[in-house]
Amino acid sequence: MFVAIRELGPTLTWVGLVLLAIGAASAALLIFSPAHRRLRTLEHAARALGEGRTDVRAVEGGGDEVSALATAFNRMADDLGARAAALAASDRARRQLLADVSHELMTPLAAVRGYTETLSMPELNLDAPTRSRYLAIIGDETQKLESLIGDLLDLARLEG
């Protein structure tokens, strides 16, 4: 028996080491392959989110560290989507405010321009009461403009 062990010992040792390496590699593939696939899907979801697609979500199944990471990723994606929606709504409101303010400023300016052009026409002979009424309208419209501009400056200060 000792002779057989001494003769076959080195060969059995090498066979055992090869079998151990094959078993360890098989076990590693069997254990880590699902986690590797889940990490790859999480990586693809992160790349898609980085490209601006806020509708992507990671698969959260598994109950391990990868699923905890997927849960955190999904919370981050939800928060990012909500912030993007709020930013879009804010931008729409800003554009609407700009359009409204432009319209509100143009109305008094058009009246001032019209009455000023009328008063500056040399061939038009206006009586004193009409001229006074036109100047009063110009004064009123100028006050409206001052009020609107003052409100805009107040709004700018409040935002600051």
Foldseek 3Di string as FASTA:
>chain_A
DVVCCVVCVVVVVVVVVVVVVVVVVVVCCVPCVVVVVLVVQVVVLVVVVVVPPLPGAGDQDDPDPSNVVRVVVNVVSVVVVVVVVVVVVVVVVVVVVVVVLVVQLVVLVVLLVVLVVVVPDPVDDDDPVVNVVSVVSNVVSVVSNVVSVVVVVVVVVVVD
